[in-house]
């Protein structure tokens, strides 16, 4: 056979046409040998249960990814719950703030109304006190005027009496008063 290969090679080279011949062994060419080697590798892989190991590894990865997805879904649900809680707290805070503002406005209105009432009462009380002082001063002035008028009248009467009556008229007047008493 080796002679046959050499003969073919020599005849082709001698003919002048250069042609390349692939080497062969046991009647298999290179392509067949590569195919046979691949078949042996695949058979070894099947015998050593590599596809099962690959499947288990992939199943483990799938389980890990599914676990991570479940954990992410749980975290998302928890985050949505926290978000809903905070939104509820914000709404409650806003309503509480509005209620506080309403209450403060009501209290401010009540304080303003009380201040107006107190101011009016104070003005009325001060007006009354001023009127009472004025009335007291008027009475005091009137009494002083009456006292002054009475004093002036007494002095004027005394002068008039002194001018019109002499000692003899006084004696007659006194006698007349004594006679009226008896």
N, C-alpha and C. Protein backbone atom coordinates (compact mmCIF):
# COMPACT_ATOMS: atom_id res chain seq x y z
N UNK A 1 0.81 -1.15 0.00
CA UNK A 1 0.00 0.00 0.00
C UNK A 1 0.87 1.25 0.00
N UNK A 2 1.89 1.24 0.84
CA UNK A 2 2.81 2.34 0.84
C UNK A 2 3.42 2.52 -0.53
N UNK A 3 3.66 1.40 -1.23
CA UNK A 3 4.17 1.47 -2.58
C UNK A 3 3.16 2.13 -3.48
N UNK A 4 1.92 1.84 -3.25
CA UNK A 4 0.85 2.40 -4.06
C UNK A 4 0.78 3.90 -3.87
N UNK A 5 0.99 4.38 -2.66
CA UNK A 5 0.94 5.81 -2.38
C UNK A 5 2.13 6.48 -3.06
N UNK A 6 3.28 5.84 -2.96
CA UNK A 6 4.46 6.43 -3.56
C UNK A 6 4.34 6.46 -5.06
N UNK A 7 3.78 5.44 -5.62
CA UNK A 7 3.62 5.38 -7.06
C UNK A 7 2.70 6.46 -7.53
N UNK A 8 1.63 6.69 -6.85
CA UNK A 8 0.69 7.70 -7.25
C UNK A 8 1.34 9.06 -7.14
N UNK A 9 2.10 9.25 -6.11
CA UNK A 9 2.74 10.52 -5.89
C UNK A 9 3.79 10.76 -6.98
N UNK A 10 4.57 9.69 -7.33
CA UNK A 10 5.60 9.84 -8.34
C UNK A 10 5.00 10.05 -9.69
N UNK A 11 3.92 9.40 -10.02
CA UNK A 11 3.33 9.54 -11.33
C UNK A 11 2.71 10.90 -11.51
N UNK A 12 2.14 11.40 -10.47
CA UNK A 12 1.52 12.71 -10.59
C UNK A 12 2.59 13.78 -10.69
N UNK A 13 3.66 13.63 -9.95
CA UNK A 13 4.72 14.61 -9.99
C UNK A 13 5.41 14.53 -11.36
N UNK A 14 5.58 13.33 -11.86
CA UNK A 14 6.23 13.15 -13.13
C UNK A 14 5.40 13.67 -14.26
N UNK A 15 4.16 13.63 -14.17
CA UNK A 15 3.31 14.09 -15.24
C UNK A 15 3.39 15.59 -15.38
N UNK A 16 3.91 16.23 -14.37
CA UNK A 16 4.08 17.66 -14.44
C UNK A 16 2.98 18.43 -13.75
N UNK A 17 1.99 17.77 -13.42
CA UNK A 17 0.92 18.45 -12.71
C UNK A 17 1.16 18.24 -11.23
N UNK A 18 1.25 19.27 -10.54
CA UNK A 18 1.47 19.18 -9.11
C UNK A 18 0.14 19.06 -8.42
N UNK A 19 -0.02 17.99 -7.69
CA UNK A 19 -1.27 17.75 -7.00
C UNK A 19 -0.92 17.30 -5.60
N UNK A 20 -1.61 17.81 -4.62
CA UNK A 20 -1.31 17.49 -3.22
C UNK A 20 -2.25 16.38 -2.78
N UNK A 21 -1.70 15.42 -2.10
CA UNK A 21 -2.48 14.29 -1.64
C UNK A 21 -2.48 14.34 -0.14
N UNK A 22 -3.68 14.16 0.46
CA UNK A 22 -3.82 14.16 1.91
C UNK A 22 -3.31 12.84 2.46
N UNK A 23 -2.65 12.92 3.63
CA UNK A 23 -2.18 11.67 4.22
C UNK A 23 -3.35 10.87 4.78
N UNK A 24 -3.21 9.57 4.86
CA UNK A 24 -4.25 8.73 5.39
C UNK A 24 -3.60 7.66 6.24
N UNK A 25 -4.38 7.16 7.24
CA UNK A 25 -3.88 6.11 8.11
C UNK A 25 -5.01 5.15 8.35
N UNK A 26 -4.73 3.90 8.26
CA UNK A 26 -5.69 2.82 8.43
C UNK A 26 -6.88 3.01 7.51
N UNK A 27 -6.68 3.60 6.43
CA UNK A 27 -7.72 3.79 5.45
C UNK A 27 -8.62 4.99 5.74
N UNK A 28 -8.26 5.78 6.73
CA UNK A 28 -9.03 6.98 7.05
C UNK A 28 -8.22 8.21 6.64
N UNK A 29 -8.86 9.16 6.06
CA UNK A 29 -8.17 10.41 5.76
C UNK A 29 -8.27 11.32 6.99
N UNK A 30 -7.75 12.57 6.96
CA UNK A 30 -7.69 13.48 8.10
C UNK A 30 -9.09 13.84 8.60
N UNK A 31 -10.00 14.04 7.71
CA UNK A 31 -11.36 14.39 8.11
C UNK A 31 -11.99 13.27 8.89
N UNK A 32 -11.78 12.06 8.44
CA UNK A 32 -12.35 10.91 9.14
C UNK A 32 -11.71 10.73 10.51
N UNK A 33 -10.41 11.01 10.61
CA UNK A 33 -9.73 10.88 11.89
C UNK A 33 -10.24 11.91 12.90
N UNK A 34 -10.45 13.16 12.43
CA UNK A 34 -10.98 14.19 13.31
C UNK A 34 -12.39 13.82 13.76
N UNK A 35 -13.20 13.33 12.87
CA UNK A 35 -14.55 12.90 13.21
C UNK A 35 -14.54 11.79 14.22
N UNK A 36 -13.61 10.79 14.02
CA UNK A 36 -13.50 9.67 14.95
C UNK A 36 -13.06 10.17 16.33
N UNK A 37 -12.09 11.12 16.36
CA UNK A 37 -11.64 11.67 17.65
C UNK A 37 -12.78 12.40 18.36
N UNK A 38 -13.58 13.12 17.61
CA UNK A 38 -14.72 13.82 18.20
C UNK A 38 -15.74 12.83 18.75
N UNK A 39 -15.97 11.77 18.03
CA UNK A 39 -16.91 10.74 18.50
C UNK A 39 -16.42 10.13 19.79
N UNK A 40 -15.08 9.90 19.88
CA UNK A 40 -14.51 9.32 21.10
C UNK A 40 -14.67 10.32 22.26
N UNK A 41 -14.41 11.62 22.01
CA UNK A 41 -14.55 12.64 23.06
C UNK A 41 -15.99 12.72 23.53
N UNK A 42 -16.92 12.69 22.59
CA UNK A 42 -18.34 12.76 22.95
C UNK A 42 -18.73 11.53 23.74
N UNK A 43 -18.24 10.35 23.33
CA UNK A 43 -18.56 9.11 24.05
C UNK A 43 -18.00 9.17 25.46
N UNK A 44 -16.75 9.69 25.62
CA UNK A 44 -16.17 9.83 26.95
C UNK A 44 -16.99 10.79 27.81
N UNK A 45 -17.44 11.88 27.19
CA UNK A 45 -18.25 12.85 27.94
C UNK A 45 -19.56 12.23 28.39
N UNK A 46 -20.15 11.43 27.54
CA UNK A 46 -21.40 10.76 27.91
C UNK A 46 -21.14 9.72 29.00
N UNK A 47 -20.03 8.99 28.87
CA UNK A 47 -19.71 7.96 29.84
C UNK A 47 -19.42 8.57 31.21
N UNK A 48 -18.78 9.76 31.24
CA UNK A 48 -18.48 10.45 32.50
C UNK A 48 -19.66 11.31 32.96
N UNK A 49 -20.76 11.27 32.28
CA UNK A 49 -22.01 11.96 32.64
C UNK A 49 -21.82 13.49 32.70
N UNK A 50 -21.08 14.03 31.77
CA UNK A 50 -20.85 15.47 31.69
C UNK A 50 -22.15 16.22 31.39
N UNK A 51 -23.02 15.74 30.47
CA UNK A 51 -24.27 16.48 30.24
C UNK A 51 -25.13 16.58 31.51
N UNK A 52 -25.14 15.53 32.31
CA UNK A 52 -25.89 15.57 33.57
C UNK A 52 -25.29 16.60 34.52
N UNK A 53 -23.95 16.65 34.58
CA UNK A 53 -23.27 17.62 35.44
C UNK A 53 -23.56 19.04 34.95
N UNK A 54 -23.52 19.19 33.63
CA UNK A 54 -23.83 20.51 33.05
C UNK A 54 -25.27 20.87 33.36
N UNK A 55 -26.19 19.92 33.23
CA UNK A 55 -27.61 20.16 33.54
C UNK A 55 -27.80 20.53 35.00
N UNK A 56 -27.10 19.78 35.89
CA UNK A 56 -27.20 20.11 37.32
C UNK A 56 -26.65 21.50 37.60
N UNK A 57 -25.52 21.83 36.96
CA UNK A 57 -24.94 23.16 37.16
C UNK A 57 -25.90 24.23 36.66
N UNK A 58 -26.50 23.98 35.50
CA UNK A 58 -27.47 24.94 34.96
C UNK A 58 -28.71 25.02 35.84
N UNK A 59 -29.16 23.84 36.35
CA UNK A 59 -30.30 23.85 37.26
C UNK A 59 -29.98 24.63 38.54
N UNK A 60 -28.76 24.47 39.03
CA UNK A 60 -28.34 25.24 40.21
C UNK A 60 -28.33 26.74 39.93
N UNK A 61 -27.80 27.10 38.75
CA UNK A 61 -27.81 28.51 38.37
C UNK A 61 -29.23 29.03 38.23
N UNK A 62 -30.10 28.20 37.62
CA UNK A 62 -31.51 28.60 37.45
C UNK A 62 -32.16 28.80 38.82
N UNK A 63 -31.89 27.86 39.75
CA UNK A 63 -32.47 27.97 41.09
C UNK A 63 -31.93 29.22 41.81
N UNK A 64 -30.63 29.49 41.63
CA UNK A 64 -30.06 30.69 42.27
C UNK A 64 -30.68 31.95 41.69
N UNK A 65 -30.83 31.98 40.37
CA UNK A 65 -31.44 33.15 39.72
C UNK A 65 -32.89 33.30 40.16
N UNK A 66 -33.62 32.15 40.23
CA UNK A 66 -35.01 32.21 40.67
C UNK A 66 -35.09 32.70 42.12
N UNK A 67 -34.16 32.23 42.96
CA UNK A 67 -34.12 32.68 44.36
C UNK A 67 -33.87 34.19 44.42
N UNK A 68 -32.93 34.67 43.59
CA UNK A 68 -32.64 36.10 43.56
C UNK A 68 -33.85 36.88 43.05
N UNK A 69 -34.55 36.35 42.05
CA UNK A 69 -35.75 37.02 41.54
C UNK A 69 -36.84 37.06 42.60
N UNK A 70 -37.00 35.94 43.33
CA UNK A 70 -38.00 35.92 44.40
C UNK A 70 -37.64 36.92 45.50
N UNK A 71 -36.34 36.98 45.84
CA UNK A 71 -35.89 37.93 46.85
C UNK A 71 -36.11 39.37 46.36
N UNK A 72 -35.82 39.60 45.08
CA UNK A 72 -36.03 40.94 44.52
C UNK A 72 -37.51 41.29 44.53
N UNK A 73 -38.37 40.32 44.22
CA UNK A 73 -39.81 40.58 44.24
C UNK A 73 -40.27 40.88 45.67
N UNK A 74 -39.72 40.13 46.64
CA UNK A 74 -40.08 40.39 48.04
C UNK A 74 -39.60 41.78 48.47
N UNK A 75 -38.37 42.14 48.07
CA UNK A 75 -37.84 43.46 48.39
C UNK A 75 -38.67 44.55 47.73
N UNK A 76 -39.10 44.30 46.49
CA UNK A 76 -39.93 45.29 45.80
C UNK A 76 -41.26 45.46 46.52
N UNK A 77 -41.88 44.34 46.93
CA UNK A 77 -43.15 44.41 47.65
C UNK A 77 -42.96 45.16 48.97
N UNK A 78 -41.84 44.88 49.65
CA UNK A 78 -41.56 45.57 50.91
C UNK A 78 -41.35 47.07 50.67
N UNK A 79 -40.62 47.39 49.59
CA UNK A 79 -40.38 48.80 49.26
C UNK A 79 -41.69 49.50 48.91
N UNK A 80 -42.57 48.81 48.19
CA UNK A 80 -43.87 49.41 47.85
C UNK A 80 -44.70 49.62 49.11
N UNK A 81 -44.62 48.69 50.05
CA UNK A 81 -45.35 48.83 51.32
C UNK A 81 -44.81 50.02 52.11
N UNK A 82 -43.48 50.14 52.15
CA UNK A 82 -42.87 51.27 52.86
C UNK A 82 -43.27 52.57 52.18
N UNK A 83 -43.26 52.57 50.85
CA UNK A 83 -43.65 53.77 50.10
C UNK A 83 -45.10 54.13 50.43
N UNK A 84 -45.98 53.12 50.44
CA UNK A 84 -47.40 53.37 50.75
C UNK A 84 -47.54 53.91 52.18
N UNK A 85 -46.75 53.34 53.11
CA UNK A 85 -46.79 53.83 54.50
C UNK A 85 -46.37 55.29 54.58
N UNK A 86 -45.29 55.62 53.89
CA UNK A 86 -44.83 57.01 53.92
C UNK A 86 -45.80 57.95 53.21
N UNK A 87 -46.41 57.48 52.14
CA UNK A 87 -47.42 58.32 51.48
C UNK A 87 -48.60 58.57 52.41
N UNK A 88 -48.99 57.52 53.15
CA UNK A 88 -50.08 57.68 54.12
C UNK A 88 -49.67 58.65 55.24
N UNK A 89 -48.41 58.52 55.69
CA UNK A 89 -47.92 59.44 56.73
C UNK A 89 -47.89 60.87 56.21
N UNK A 90 -47.47 61.04 54.96
CA UNK A 90 -47.43 62.38 54.37
C UNK A 90 -48.84 62.95 54.29
N UNK A 91 -49.79 62.12 53.84
CA UNK A 91 -51.18 62.60 53.75
C UNK A 91 -51.71 62.96 55.13
N UNK A 92 -51.41 62.12 56.12
CA UNK A 92 -51.86 62.40 57.49
C UNK A 92 -51.20 63.68 58.01
N UNK A 93 -49.91 63.86 57.72
CA UNK A 93 -49.21 65.07 58.16
C UNK A 93 -49.81 66.31 57.50
N UNK A 94 -50.12 66.19 56.20
CA UNK A 94 -50.71 67.34 55.51
C UNK A 94 -52.07 67.67 56.10
N UNK A 95 -52.88 66.65 56.39
CA UNK A 95 -54.20 66.92 56.96
C UNK A 95 -54.06 67.46 58.37
N UNK A 96 -53.08 66.95 59.13
CA UNK A 96 -52.85 67.45 60.48
C UNK A 96 -52.37 68.90 60.44
N UNK A 97 -51.49 69.20 59.48
CA UNK A 97 -51.01 70.58 59.34
C UNK A 97 -52.15 71.51 58.97
N UNK A 98 -53.05 71.06 58.09
CA UNK A 98 -54.21 71.88 57.70
C UNK A 98 -55.10 72.10 58.91
N UNK A 99 -55.32 71.04 59.69
CA UNK A 99 -56.15 71.17 60.90
C UNK A 99 -55.50 72.14 61.90
N UNK A 100 -54.17 72.05 62.03
CA UNK A 100 -53.48 72.96 62.95
C UNK A 100 -53.61 74.40 62.47
N UNK A 101 -53.48 74.62 61.16
CA UNK A 101 -53.64 75.97 60.61
C UNK A 101 -55.05 76.49 60.85
N UNK A 102 -56.05 75.62 60.62
CA UNK A 102 -57.44 76.03 60.87
C UNK A 102 -57.65 76.37 62.34
N UNK A 103 -57.10 75.52 63.21
CA UNK A 103 -57.24 75.74 64.66
C UNK A 103 -56.54 77.05 65.05
N UNK A 104 -55.35 77.27 64.51
CA UNK A 104 -54.61 78.50 64.82
C UNK A 104 -55.36 79.73 64.32
N UNK A 105 -55.96 79.63 63.12
CA UNK A 105 -56.74 80.76 62.60
C UNK A 105 -57.95 81.02 63.49
N UNK A 106 -58.62 79.96 63.94
CA UNK A 106 -59.77 80.10 64.82
C UNK A 106 -59.35 80.74 66.15
N UNK A 107 -58.23 80.26 66.71
CA UNK A 107 -57.74 80.81 67.98
C UNK A 107 -57.34 82.27 67.81
N UNK A 108 -56.70 82.59 66.67
CA UNK A 108 -56.30 83.98 66.41
C UNK A 108 -57.54 84.87 66.32
N UNK A 109 -58.59 84.37 65.66
CA UNK A 109 -59.84 85.14 65.55
C UNK A 109 -60.46 85.33 66.94
N UNK A 110 -60.43 84.27 67.76
CA UNK A 110 -60.98 84.38 69.11
C UNK A 110 -60.16 85.38 69.94
N UNK A 111 -58.84 85.33 69.81
CA UNK A 111 -57.99 86.27 70.55
C UNK A 111 -58.26 87.70 70.09
N UNK A 112 -58.39 87.89 68.76
CA UNK A 112 -58.67 89.23 68.22
C UNK A 112 -60.01 89.74 68.74
N UNK A 113 -61.05 88.87 68.73
CA UNK A 113 -62.37 89.28 69.21
C UNK A 113 -62.31 89.62 70.70
N UNK A 114 -61.59 88.80 71.49
CA UNK A 114 -61.46 89.08 72.93
C UNK A 114 -60.71 90.39 73.15
N UNK A 115 -59.66 90.62 72.36
CA UNK A 115 -58.90 91.88 72.49
C UNK A 115 -59.78 93.07 72.16
N UNK A 116 -60.61 92.94 71.12
CA UNK A 116 -61.52 94.04 70.79
C UNK A 116 -62.51 94.29 71.93
N UNK A 117 -63.06 93.19 72.49
CA UNK A 117 -64.01 93.32 73.60
C UNK A 117 -63.32 93.93 74.81
N UNK A 118 -62.12 93.45 75.12
CA UNK A 118 -61.38 93.99 76.27
C UNK A 118 -61.03 95.46 76.05
N UNK A 119 -60.64 95.81 74.83
CA UNK A 119 -60.30 97.20 74.54
C UNK A 119 -61.53 98.09 74.68
N UNK A 120 -62.67 97.61 74.16
CA UNK A 120 -63.90 98.39 74.28
C UNK A 120 -64.29 98.55 75.75
N UNK A 121 -64.15 97.46 76.53
CA UNK A 121 -64.48 97.55 77.96
C UNK A 121 -63.52 98.50 78.67
N UNK A 122 -62.24 98.45 78.31
CA UNK A 122 -61.26 99.34 78.92
C UNK A 122 -61.57 100.79 78.58
N UNK A 123 -61.89 101.06 77.32
CA UNK A 123 -62.24 102.42 76.90
C UNK A 123 -63.48 102.89 77.66
N UNK A 124 -64.47 102.02 77.76
CA UNK A 124 -65.71 102.38 78.48
C UNK A 124 -65.41 102.65 79.95
N UNK A 125 -64.59 101.77 80.56
CA UNK A 125 -64.25 101.93 81.97
C UNK A 125 -63.46 103.23 82.18
N UNK A 126 -62.50 103.50 81.31
CA UNK A 126 -61.71 104.73 81.44
C UNK A 126 -62.58 105.96 81.19
N UNK A 127 -63.51 105.83 80.23
CA UNK A 127 -64.43 106.95 79.97
C UNK A 127 -65.28 107.21 81.20
N UNK A 128 -65.81 106.14 81.82
CA UNK A 128 -66.61 106.29 83.03
C UNK A 128 -65.79 106.91 84.16
N UNK A 129 -64.54 106.43 84.30
CA UNK A 129 -63.68 106.98 85.35
C UNK A 129 -63.43 108.46 85.10
N UNK A 130 -63.19 108.82 83.84
CA UNK A 130 -62.96 110.24 83.52
C UNK A 130 -64.22 111.05 83.78
N UNK A 131 -65.38 110.49 83.39
CA UNK A 131 -66.64 111.19 83.64
C UNK A 131 -66.88 111.34 85.14
N UNK A 132 -66.58 110.26 85.91
CA UNK A 132 -66.74 110.34 87.37
C UNK A 132 -65.81 111.39 87.96
N UNK A 133 -64.56 111.46 87.47
CA UNK A 133 -63.63 112.47 87.97
C UNK A 133 -64.12 113.86 87.62
N UNK A 134 -64.60 114.00 86.38
CA UNK A 134 -65.12 115.31 85.97
C UNK A 134 -66.31 115.70 86.86
N UNK A 135 -67.23 114.73 87.10
CA UNK A 135 -68.39 115.01 87.94
C UNK A 135 -67.95 115.37 89.35
N UNK A 136 -66.95 114.63 89.88
CA UNK A 136 -66.45 114.92 91.22
C UNK A 136 -65.82 116.31 91.26
N UNK A 137 -65.05 116.64 90.23
CA UNK A 137 -64.44 117.98 90.18
C UNK A 137 -65.50 119.06 90.05
N UNK A 138 -66.54 118.74 89.25
CA UNK A 138 -67.64 119.70 89.13
C UNK A 138 -68.31 119.92 90.49
N UNK A 139 -68.60 118.80 91.20
CA UNK A 139 -69.22 118.92 92.53
C UNK A 139 -68.31 119.68 93.48
N UNK A 140 -67.01 119.32 93.41
CA UNK A 140 -66.06 119.99 94.30
C UNK A 140 -66.00 121.48 93.96
N UNK A 141 -65.97 121.78 92.66
CA UNK A 141 -65.93 123.20 92.24
C UNK A 141 -67.22 123.89 92.65
N UNK A 142 -68.36 123.20 92.48
CA UNK A 142 -69.66 123.77 92.84
C UNK A 142 -69.72 124.02 94.34
N UNK A 143 -69.23 123.03 95.14
CA UNK A 143 -69.22 123.21 96.59
C UNK A 143 -68.30 124.36 96.99
N UNK A 144 -67.12 124.42 96.33
CA UNK A 144 -66.19 125.52 96.63
C UNK A 144 -66.83 126.85 96.24
N UNK A 145 -67.53 126.86 95.08
CA UNK A 145 -68.20 128.08 94.64
C UNK A 145 -69.31 128.45 95.61
N UNK A 146 -70.07 127.45 96.07
CA UNK A 146 -71.15 127.72 97.04
C UNK A 146 -70.54 128.23 98.35
N UNK A 147 -69.46 127.57 98.78
CA UNK A 147 -68.83 128.00 100.03
C UNK A 147 -68.31 129.44 99.90
N UNK A 148 -67.69 129.69 98.74
CA UNK A 148 -67.18 131.04 98.51
C UNK A 148 -68.34 132.03 98.43
N UNK A 149 -69.43 131.62 97.73
CA UNK A 149 -70.60 132.48 97.61
C UNK A 149 -71.24 132.71 98.98
N UNK A 150 -71.33 131.64 99.78
CA UNK A 150 -71.92 131.76 101.12
C UNK A 150 -71.06 132.67 101.99
N UNK A 151 -69.74 132.48 101.89
CA UNK A 151 -68.84 133.31 102.67
C UNK A 151 -68.94 134.77 102.23
N UNK A 152 -68.98 134.96 100.90
CA UNK A 152 -69.11 136.33 100.38
C UNK A 152 -70.45 136.93 100.81
N UNK A 153 -71.52 136.11 100.75
CA UNK A 153 -72.84 136.59 101.14
C UNK A 153 -72.86 136.92 102.63
N UNK A 154 -72.21 136.06 103.44
CA UNK A 154 -72.17 136.31 104.88
C UNK A 154 -71.42 137.59 105.17
N UNK A 155 -70.29 137.76 104.45
CA UNK A 155 -69.50 138.98 104.66
C UNK A 155 -70.29 140.21 104.18
N UNK A 156 -70.95 140.04 103.03
CA UNK A 156 -71.74 141.16 102.50
C UNK A 156 -72.89 141.47 103.45
N UNK A 157 -73.53 140.43 103.98
CA UNK A 157 -74.66 140.63 104.91
C UNK A 157 -74.16 141.28 106.18
N UNK A 158 -73.00 140.83 106.63
CA UNK A 158 -72.44 141.42 107.85
C UNK A 158 -72.12 142.88 107.61
N UNK A 159 -71.58 143.21 106.44
CA UNK A 159 -71.25 144.60 106.14
C UNK A 159 -72.53 145.43 106.01
N UNK A 160 -73.51 144.82 105.30
CA UNK A 160 -74.78 145.54 105.13
C UNK A 160 -75.43 145.76 106.50
N UNK A 161 -75.42 144.72 107.29
CA UNK A 161 -76.02 144.83 108.63
C UNK A 161 -75.24 145.85 109.45
N UNK A 162 -73.94 145.79 109.32
CA UNK A 162 -73.12 146.72 110.09
C UNK A 162 -73.36 148.15 109.63
N UNK A 163 -73.53 148.28 108.30
CA UNK A 163 -73.77 149.63 107.77
C UNK A 163 -75.17 150.13 108.14
N UNK A 164 -76.16 149.37 108.12
CA UNK A 164 -77.53 149.80 108.33
C UNK A 164 -77.92 149.77 109.81
N UNK A 165 -77.33 148.95 110.53
CA UNK A 165 -77.72 148.86 111.93
C UNK A 165 -76.61 149.41 112.79
N UNK A 166 -77.06 150.13 113.74
CA UNK A 166 -76.09 150.64 114.70
C UNK A 166 -76.32 149.91 116.02
N UNK A 167 -75.72 150.34 117.06
CA UNK A 167 -75.82 149.67 118.34
C UNK A 167 -77.23 149.77 118.90
N UNK A 168 -77.93 150.81 118.66
CA UNK A 168 -79.30 150.96 119.17
C UNK A 168 -80.24 150.01 118.45
N UNK A 169 -80.06 149.84 117.13
CA UNK A 169 -80.91 148.95 116.36
C UNK A 169 -80.62 147.53 116.78
N UNK A 170 -79.36 147.26 117.11
CA UNK A 170 -79.00 145.92 117.56
C UNK A 170 -79.68 145.63 118.91
N UNK A 171 -79.73 146.65 119.76
CA UNK A 171 -80.32 146.43 121.06
C UNK A 171 -81.80 146.16 120.92
N UNK A 172 -82.48 146.83 120.07
CA UNK A 172 -83.91 146.63 119.87
C UNK A 172 -84.15 145.25 119.27
N UNK A 173 -83.28 144.85 118.37
CA UNK A 173 -83.41 143.56 117.72
C UNK A 173 -83.20 142.44 118.73
N UNK A 174 -82.25 142.57 119.60
CA UNK A 174 -81.96 141.58 120.62
C UNK A 174 -83.13 141.53 121.62
N UNK A 175 -83.66 142.66 121.96
CA UNK A 175 -84.78 142.67 122.89
C UNK A 175 -86.00 141.98 122.26
N UNK A 176 -86.16 142.23 121.05
CA UNK A 176 -87.29 141.61 120.34
C UNK A 176 -87.11 140.09 120.29
N UNK A 177 -85.90 139.59 120.05
CA UNK A 177 -85.63 138.18 120.01
C UNK A 177 -85.84 137.55 121.37
N UNK A 178 -85.44 138.23 122.44
CA UNK A 178 -85.61 137.71 123.78
C UNK A 178 -87.10 137.68 124.13
N UNK A 179 -87.85 138.66 123.72
CA UNK A 179 -89.25 138.68 124.01
C UNK A 179 -89.97 137.57 123.27
N UNK A 180 -89.47 137.20 122.06
CA UNK A 180 -90.10 136.13 121.29
C UNK A 180 -89.81 134.77 121.91
N UNK A 181 -88.78 134.66 122.67
CA UNK A 181 -88.41 133.39 123.29
C UNK A 181 -89.24 133.17 124.53
N UNK A 182 -89.62 134.13 125.22
CA UNK A 182 -90.34 133.96 126.46
C UNK A 182 -91.67 133.54 126.22
